[in-house]
N, C-alpha and C. Protein backbone atom coordinates (compact mmCIF):
# COMPACT_ATOMS: atom_id res chain seq x y z
N UNK A 1 88.68 102.31 165.22
CA UNK A 1 88.92 100.98 165.01
C UNK A 1 87.68 100.23 164.58
N UNK A 2 87.92 99.50 163.56
CA UNK A 2 86.77 98.81 162.91
C UNK A 2 86.80 97.32 163.36
N UNK A 3 85.64 96.73 163.50
CA UNK A 3 85.51 95.32 163.90
C UNK A 3 84.92 94.55 162.75
N UNK A 4 85.42 93.60 162.33
CA UNK A 4 84.77 92.70 161.19
C UNK A 4 83.43 91.98 161.72
N UNK A 5 82.51 91.80 160.94
CA UNK A 5 81.18 91.09 161.47
C UNK A 5 81.33 89.75 161.39
N UNK A 6 82.43 89.14 160.74
CA UNK A 6 82.37 87.68 160.65
C UNK A 6 82.62 87.09 162.09
N UNK A 7 81.76 86.09 162.28
CA UNK A 7 81.77 85.43 163.62
C UNK A 7 80.60 85.92 164.49
N UNK A 8 79.79 86.91 164.19
CA UNK A 8 78.66 87.37 164.92
C UNK A 8 77.72 86.19 164.94
N UNK A 9 77.10 86.17 166.25
CA UNK A 9 76.13 85.21 166.50
C UNK A 9 74.77 85.81 166.89
N UNK A 10 73.77 85.03 166.59
CA UNK A 10 72.30 85.42 167.07
C UNK A 10 71.94 84.31 167.96
N UNK A 11 71.47 84.47 169.27
CA UNK A 11 71.26 83.52 170.16
C UNK A 11 69.83 83.69 170.75
N UNK A 12 69.25 82.48 171.11
CA UNK A 12 67.98 82.44 171.91
C UNK A 12 68.17 81.65 173.16
N UNK A 13 67.24 81.83 173.95
CA UNK A 13 67.23 80.99 175.40
C UNK A 13 65.85 80.44 175.59
N UNK A 14 65.97 79.36 176.23
CA UNK A 14 64.62 78.79 176.47
C UNK A 14 64.53 78.55 178.07
N UNK A 15 65.58 78.96 178.80
CA UNK A 15 65.53 78.74 180.21
C UNK A 15 65.93 80.14 180.93
N UNK A 16 65.21 81.22 180.47
CA UNK A 16 65.41 82.52 181.21
C UNK A 16 66.87 83.08 181.07
N UNK A 17 67.68 82.82 180.20
CA UNK A 17 69.06 83.24 180.14
C UNK A 17 70.07 82.36 180.89
N UNK A 18 69.75 81.22 181.32
CA UNK A 18 70.83 80.39 182.13
C UNK A 18 71.73 79.90 180.99
N UNK A 19 71.18 79.58 179.76
CA UNK A 19 72.09 79.05 178.75
C UNK A 19 71.65 79.79 177.34
N UNK A 20 72.40 79.93 176.41
CA UNK A 20 72.07 80.38 175.10
C UNK A 20 72.47 79.58 174.05
N UNK A 21 71.63 79.54 173.04
CA UNK A 21 71.87 78.67 172.06
C UNK A 21 71.94 79.53 170.68
N UNK A 22 73.17 79.22 169.87
CA UNK A 22 73.26 79.82 168.66
C UNK A 22 72.15 79.38 167.48
N UNK A 23 71.54 80.47 166.87
CA UNK A 23 70.78 80.05 165.65
C UNK A 23 71.88 79.68 164.48
N UNK A 24 71.76 78.49 164.14
CA UNK A 24 72.63 77.99 163.13
C UNK A 24 72.62 78.51 161.79
N UNK A 25 73.82 78.45 161.17
CA UNK A 25 73.88 78.90 159.73
C UNK A 25 73.55 80.34 159.44
N UNK A 26 73.81 81.29 160.38
CA UNK A 26 73.54 82.60 160.30
C UNK A 26 74.29 83.32 159.18
N UNK A 27 73.63 84.01 158.30
CA UNK A 27 74.24 84.75 157.03
C UNK A 27 74.38 86.14 157.46
N UNK A 28 73.13 86.86 157.63
CA UNK A 28 73.00 88.25 157.63
C UNK A 28 72.05 88.75 158.84
N UNK A 29 72.65 88.92 159.94
CA UNK A 29 71.88 89.63 161.02
C UNK A 29 71.74 91.05 160.99
N UNK A 30 70.53 91.47 161.22
CA UNK A 30 70.28 93.01 161.30
C UNK A 30 69.85 93.18 162.70
N UNK A 31 70.65 93.76 163.60
CA UNK A 31 70.37 93.95 165.05
C UNK A 31 69.17 94.98 165.17
N UNK A 32 68.72 95.08 166.41
CA UNK A 32 67.65 96.13 166.64
C UNK A 32 68.11 97.46 166.21
N UNK A 33 67.01 98.32 165.72
CA UNK A 33 67.44 99.69 165.38
C UNK A 33 66.41 100.58 165.96
N UNK A 34 66.70 101.14 167.03
CA UNK A 34 65.80 101.94 167.89
C UNK A 34 65.61 103.35 167.18
N UNK A 35 64.45 103.95 167.52
CA UNK A 35 64.20 105.31 167.26
C UNK A 35 63.31 106.04 168.19
N UNK A 36 63.42 107.25 168.22
CA UNK A 36 62.84 108.10 169.32
C UNK A 36 61.88 109.02 168.67
N UNK A 37 60.68 109.00 169.17
CA UNK A 37 59.65 110.01 168.69
C UNK A 37 60.02 111.42 169.30
N UNK A 38 59.58 112.34 168.70
CA UNK A 38 59.85 113.78 169.17
C UNK A 38 58.48 114.55 169.25
N UNK A 39 58.31 115.42 169.99
CA UNK A 39 57.12 116.22 169.96
C UNK A 39 57.45 117.82 170.02
N UNK A 40 56.67 118.51 169.44
CA UNK A 40 56.87 119.93 169.34
C UNK A 40 56.51 120.72 170.74
N UNK A 41 57.49 121.45 171.11
CA UNK A 41 57.16 122.17 172.41
C UNK A 41 57.21 123.76 172.08
N UNK A 42 57.11 124.01 170.87
CA UNK A 42 57.17 125.50 170.33
C UNK A 42 55.92 126.36 171.11
N UNK A 43 56.09 127.41 171.58
CA UNK A 43 55.02 128.27 172.04
C UNK A 43 55.26 129.69 171.65
N UNK A 44 54.32 130.50 171.90
CA UNK A 44 54.43 131.94 171.40
C UNK A 44 55.61 132.65 171.99
N UNK A 45 56.15 132.20 173.19
CA UNK A 45 57.27 132.93 173.74
C UNK A 45 58.56 132.29 173.38
N UNK A 46 58.60 131.21 172.37
CA UNK A 46 59.84 130.56 172.04
C UNK A 46 60.96 131.58 171.47
N UNK A 47 62.19 131.36 171.81
CA UNK A 47 63.16 132.36 171.51
C UNK A 47 63.40 132.50 170.04
N UNK A 48 63.32 133.81 169.48
CA UNK A 48 63.59 134.04 168.12
C UNK A 48 62.68 133.37 167.26
N UNK A 49 61.50 132.95 167.59
CA UNK A 49 60.62 132.36 166.68
C UNK A 49 60.97 131.07 166.30
N UNK A 50 61.82 130.38 167.04
CA UNK A 50 62.36 129.05 166.55
C UNK A 50 61.66 127.96 167.20
N UNK A 51 61.47 126.93 166.42
CA UNK A 51 60.71 125.74 167.03
C UNK A 51 61.54 125.01 167.96
N UNK A 52 61.00 124.52 169.04
CA UNK A 52 61.72 123.77 169.96
C UNK A 52 61.01 122.35 170.10
N UNK A 53 61.76 121.38 170.44
CA UNK A 53 61.31 120.04 170.49
C UNK A 53 61.91 119.22 171.63
N UNK A 54 61.17 118.16 171.98
CA UNK A 54 61.53 117.40 173.19
C UNK A 54 61.38 115.90 172.73
N UNK A 55 62.36 115.07 173.28
CA UNK A 55 62.19 113.63 173.04
C UNK A 55 61.04 112.92 173.80
N UNK A 56 60.47 112.08 173.02
CA UNK A 56 59.41 111.20 173.70
C UNK A 56 59.70 109.95 173.74
N UNK A 57 58.77 108.94 173.56
CA UNK A 57 59.05 107.41 173.64
C UNK A 57 60.02 106.91 172.61
N UNK A 58 60.78 105.99 173.21
CA UNK A 58 61.77 105.30 172.22
C UNK A 58 61.00 103.97 171.77
N UNK A 59 61.21 103.81 170.47
CA UNK A 59 60.57 102.40 169.77
C UNK A 59 61.91 101.71 169.65
N UNK A 60 62.05 100.49 170.27
CA UNK A 60 63.26 99.67 170.14
C UNK A 60 63.38 99.08 168.77
N UNK A 61 62.44 99.20 168.01
CA UNK A 61 62.59 98.77 166.53
C UNK A 61 62.28 97.34 166.23
N UNK A 62 62.85 96.88 165.17
CA UNK A 62 62.77 95.64 164.59
C UNK A 62 64.25 95.06 164.49
N UNK A 63 64.37 93.76 164.22
CA UNK A 63 65.54 93.19 163.80
C UNK A 63 65.27 91.91 162.92
N UNK A 64 66.23 91.46 162.28
CA UNK A 64 65.93 90.27 161.34
C UNK A 64 67.32 89.53 161.24
N UNK A 65 67.09 88.30 160.92
CA UNK A 65 68.29 87.42 160.60
C UNK A 65 67.99 86.61 159.33
N UNK A 66 68.86 86.47 158.57
CA UNK A 66 68.75 85.60 157.40
C UNK A 66 69.79 84.33 157.69
N UNK A 67 69.27 83.21 157.43
CA UNK A 67 69.97 81.97 157.65
C UNK A 67 70.10 81.12 156.54
N UNK A 68 70.94 80.15 156.37
CA UNK A 68 70.92 79.05 155.28
C UNK A 68 70.01 78.08 156.05
N UNK A 69 68.77 78.08 155.45
CA UNK A 69 67.60 77.34 156.15
C UNK A 69 68.00 75.78 156.06
N UNK A 70 67.85 75.22 157.21
CA UNK A 70 67.88 73.78 157.32
C UNK A 70 66.52 73.35 158.04
N UNK A 71 65.54 72.82 157.26
CA UNK A 71 64.30 72.37 157.74
C UNK A 71 64.41 71.51 159.04
N UNK A 72 65.64 70.76 159.23
CA UNK A 72 65.81 69.75 160.44
C UNK A 72 66.41 70.58 161.63
N UNK A 73 66.79 71.90 161.45
CA UNK A 73 67.44 72.57 162.51
C UNK A 73 66.48 72.78 163.69
N UNK A 74 66.93 72.47 164.86
CA UNK A 74 66.02 72.78 166.08
C UNK A 74 65.85 74.24 166.29
N UNK A 75 66.74 75.04 166.08
CA UNK A 75 66.72 76.42 166.07
C UNK A 75 65.76 77.04 165.15
N UNK A 76 65.87 76.74 164.00
CA UNK A 76 64.92 77.24 162.89
C UNK A 76 63.47 76.77 163.15
N UNK A 77 63.35 75.49 163.61
CA UNK A 77 61.99 74.97 163.92
C UNK A 77 61.33 75.79 164.93
N UNK A 78 62.19 76.05 166.09
CA UNK A 78 61.73 76.78 167.28
C UNK A 78 61.32 78.10 166.82
N UNK A 79 62.07 78.89 165.98
CA UNK A 79 61.73 80.26 165.52
C UNK A 79 60.42 80.15 164.80
N UNK A 80 60.29 79.29 163.88
CA UNK A 80 59.05 79.13 163.13
C UNK A 80 57.89 78.94 163.97
N UNK A 81 57.95 78.01 165.02
CA UNK A 81 57.04 77.81 166.13
C UNK A 81 56.70 79.10 166.78
N UNK A 82 57.55 79.76 167.27
CA UNK A 82 57.37 81.08 167.83
C UNK A 82 56.68 82.05 166.92
N UNK A 83 56.98 82.11 165.67
CA UNK A 83 56.32 83.05 164.68
C UNK A 83 54.78 82.67 164.50
N UNK A 84 54.54 81.36 164.62
CA UNK A 84 53.21 80.76 164.46
C UNK A 84 52.31 80.65 165.80
N UNK A 85 52.83 81.08 166.86
CA UNK A 85 52.20 80.97 167.97
C UNK A 85 51.43 82.32 168.33
N UNK A 86 50.10 82.31 168.50
CA UNK A 86 49.36 83.46 168.77
C UNK A 86 49.55 83.82 170.28
N UNK A 87 49.40 85.05 170.49
CA UNK A 87 49.55 85.69 171.81
C UNK A 87 50.81 85.33 172.53
N UNK A 88 51.79 85.12 171.95
CA UNK A 88 53.09 84.81 172.43
C UNK A 88 53.79 86.04 173.22
N UNK A 89 54.17 85.76 174.37
CA UNK A 89 54.94 87.04 175.07
C UNK A 89 56.27 87.05 174.43
N UNK A 90 56.95 88.31 174.50
CA UNK A 90 58.23 88.51 174.07
C UNK A 90 59.19 87.41 174.65
N UNK A 91 60.22 87.01 173.88
CA UNK A 91 61.27 86.20 174.22
C UNK A 91 62.58 86.73 174.11
N UNK A 92 63.55 86.19 174.97
CA UNK A 92 64.90 86.78 175.21
C UNK A 92 65.76 86.24 173.89
N UNK A 93 66.42 87.33 173.37
CA UNK A 93 67.52 87.07 172.25
C UNK A 93 68.54 87.86 172.60
N UNK A 94 69.79 87.62 171.97
CA UNK A 94 70.96 88.45 171.95
C UNK A 94 71.73 88.19 170.71
N UNK A 95 72.49 89.26 170.36
CA UNK A 95 73.48 89.36 169.28
C UNK A 95 74.86 89.41 169.93
N UNK A 96 75.81 88.58 169.54
CA UNK A 96 77.06 88.51 170.11
C UNK A 96 77.97 88.80 169.00
N UNK A 97 78.73 90.05 169.22
CA UNK A 97 79.64 90.39 168.15
C UNK A 97 81.00 89.78 168.31
N UNK A 98 81.83 89.78 167.31
CA UNK A 98 83.11 89.05 167.43
C UNK A 98 83.98 89.57 168.59
N UNK A 99 83.85 90.86 168.83
CA UNK A 99 84.73 91.44 170.06
C UNK A 99 84.06 91.21 171.38
N UNK A 100 83.12 90.24 171.44
CA UNK A 100 82.33 89.80 172.63
C UNK A 100 81.42 90.77 173.14
N UNK A 101 81.19 91.89 172.52
CA UNK A 101 80.04 92.80 172.83
C UNK A 101 78.67 92.16 172.66
N UNK A 102 77.83 92.23 173.65
CA UNK A 102 76.57 91.47 173.62
C UNK A 102 75.40 92.51 173.64
N UNK A 103 74.34 92.28 172.77
CA UNK A 103 73.26 93.19 172.86
C UNK A 103 72.10 92.38 173.09
N UNK A 104 71.42 92.50 174.35
CA UNK A 104 70.40 91.61 174.58
C UNK A 104 69.07 92.34 174.58
N UNK A 105 67.93 91.61 174.21
CA UNK A 105 66.66 92.31 174.00
C UNK A 105 65.65 91.17 174.04
N UNK A 106 64.30 91.70 174.36
CA UNK A 106 63.27 90.89 174.37
C UNK A 106 62.50 91.13 173.03
N UNK A 107 61.94 90.17 172.24
CA UNK A 107 61.26 90.30 170.98
C UNK A 107 60.21 89.31 170.81
N UNK A 108 59.36 89.66 169.88
CA UNK A 108 58.41 88.72 169.32
C UNK A 108 58.81 88.43 167.99
N UNK A 109 58.91 87.07 167.66
CA UNK A 109 59.19 86.70 166.27
C UNK A 109 57.92 86.66 165.59
N UNK A 110 57.92 87.82 164.56
CA UNK A 110 56.60 88.02 163.80
C UNK A 110 56.42 87.40 162.59
N UNK A 111 57.49 86.73 162.06
CA UNK A 111 57.21 86.04 160.80
C UNK A 111 58.55 85.53 160.20
N UNK A 112 58.47 84.86 159.16
CA UNK A 112 59.69 84.42 158.34
C UNK A 112 59.30 84.17 156.85
N UNK A 113 60.32 84.42 156.02
CA UNK A 113 60.16 84.31 154.59
C UNK A 113 61.22 83.43 154.05
N UNK A 114 60.76 82.30 153.38
CA UNK A 114 61.88 81.49 152.84
C UNK A 114 62.16 82.00 151.39
N UNK A 115 63.31 81.62 150.91
CA UNK A 115 63.87 81.86 149.50
C UNK A 115 64.32 80.51 149.08
N UNK A 116 63.74 80.13 147.90
CA UNK A 116 64.12 78.85 147.37
C UNK A 116 64.53 78.97 145.92
N UNK A 117 65.82 79.43 145.74
CA UNK A 117 66.33 79.66 144.36
C UNK A 117 66.52 78.36 143.80
N UNK A 118 66.54 78.19 142.40
CA UNK A 118 66.73 76.95 141.67
C UNK A 118 68.11 76.52 141.71
N UNK A 119 69.11 77.46 141.64
CA UNK A 119 70.51 77.07 141.68
C UNK A 119 71.38 77.48 142.82
N UNK A 120 70.71 77.74 143.99
CA UNK A 120 71.45 78.14 145.14
C UNK A 120 71.01 77.60 146.38
N UNK A 121 71.50 78.06 147.54
CA UNK A 121 71.06 77.59 148.83
C UNK A 121 69.64 78.03 149.23
N UNK A 122 68.90 77.18 150.06
CA UNK A 122 67.74 77.63 150.65
C UNK A 122 68.13 78.63 151.66
N UNK A 123 67.37 79.81 151.89
CA UNK A 123 67.64 80.69 152.96
C UNK A 123 66.22 80.98 153.42
N UNK A 124 66.29 81.58 154.72
CA UNK A 124 64.94 81.95 155.35
C UNK A 124 65.40 83.16 156.17
N UNK A 125 64.57 84.20 156.19
CA UNK A 125 64.71 85.45 156.94
C UNK A 125 63.65 85.48 157.99
N UNK A 126 64.18 85.59 159.29
CA UNK A 126 63.23 85.72 160.33
C UNK A 126 63.07 87.05 160.81
N UNK A 127 61.86 87.56 161.08
CA UNK A 127 61.64 89.00 161.47
C UNK A 127 61.22 89.11 163.01
N UNK A 128 61.68 90.05 163.73
CA UNK A 128 61.46 90.27 165.16
C UNK A 128 61.01 91.70 165.45
N UNK A 129 60.05 91.88 166.31
CA UNK A 129 59.64 93.15 166.74
C UNK A 129 60.18 93.21 168.23
N UNK A 130 60.97 94.20 168.57
CA UNK A 130 61.74 94.26 169.87
C UNK A 130 60.70 94.97 170.80
N UNK A 131 60.70 94.39 172.01
CA UNK A 131 59.81 94.98 173.01
C UNK A 131 60.63 95.35 174.34
N UNK A 132 60.44 96.65 174.61
CA UNK A 132 61.22 97.16 175.89
C UNK A 132 62.64 97.63 175.49
N UNK A 133 63.34 97.77 176.58
CA UNK A 133 64.81 98.33 176.39
C UNK A 133 65.81 97.43 175.73
N UNK A 134 66.64 97.85 174.88
CA UNK A 134 67.66 97.06 174.36
C UNK A 134 68.93 97.15 175.35
N UNK A 135 69.45 96.12 175.87
CA UNK A 135 70.50 96.08 176.74
C UNK A 135 71.85 95.85 176.05
N UNK A 136 72.51 97.02 175.93
CA UNK A 136 73.83 96.87 175.24
C UNK A 136 74.97 96.44 176.15
N UNK A 137 75.66 95.52 175.62
CA UNK A 137 76.89 94.91 176.33
C UNK A 137 76.54 94.19 177.49
N UNK A 138 75.58 93.32 177.37
CA UNK A 138 75.34 92.38 178.60
C UNK A 138 76.49 91.44 178.71
N UNK A 139 76.90 91.14 179.78
CA UNK A 139 77.96 90.24 179.99
C UNK A 139 77.68 89.01 180.81
């Protein structure tokens, strides 16, 4: 079964998750993309002279969101402030899919990049570096 992406939300909290606020005018969210390091465990007694490996630390990756930028938007202003705040601790965010699946994570907003085309809408992409475990299907 496929699920359409239309209706996906990207949310932030300012009260430790008691309430969640949608980031307005969301166009293209790219949820966290974890990767796992591996290390070589091959030794002189490895079977058939074949390399062996083991999983190591997981990096929860990065995520980004593209929005139709509204300079007056409280959410857009909050994310810009977070990106410009030195020594900020990770903040809680979540992606809510149209089928009600929720992916929660802590991340640091690392920056943003505006696009100002002459004959189209203003957009802005916010980038996040995820810290810790990604919590799939938080309810």
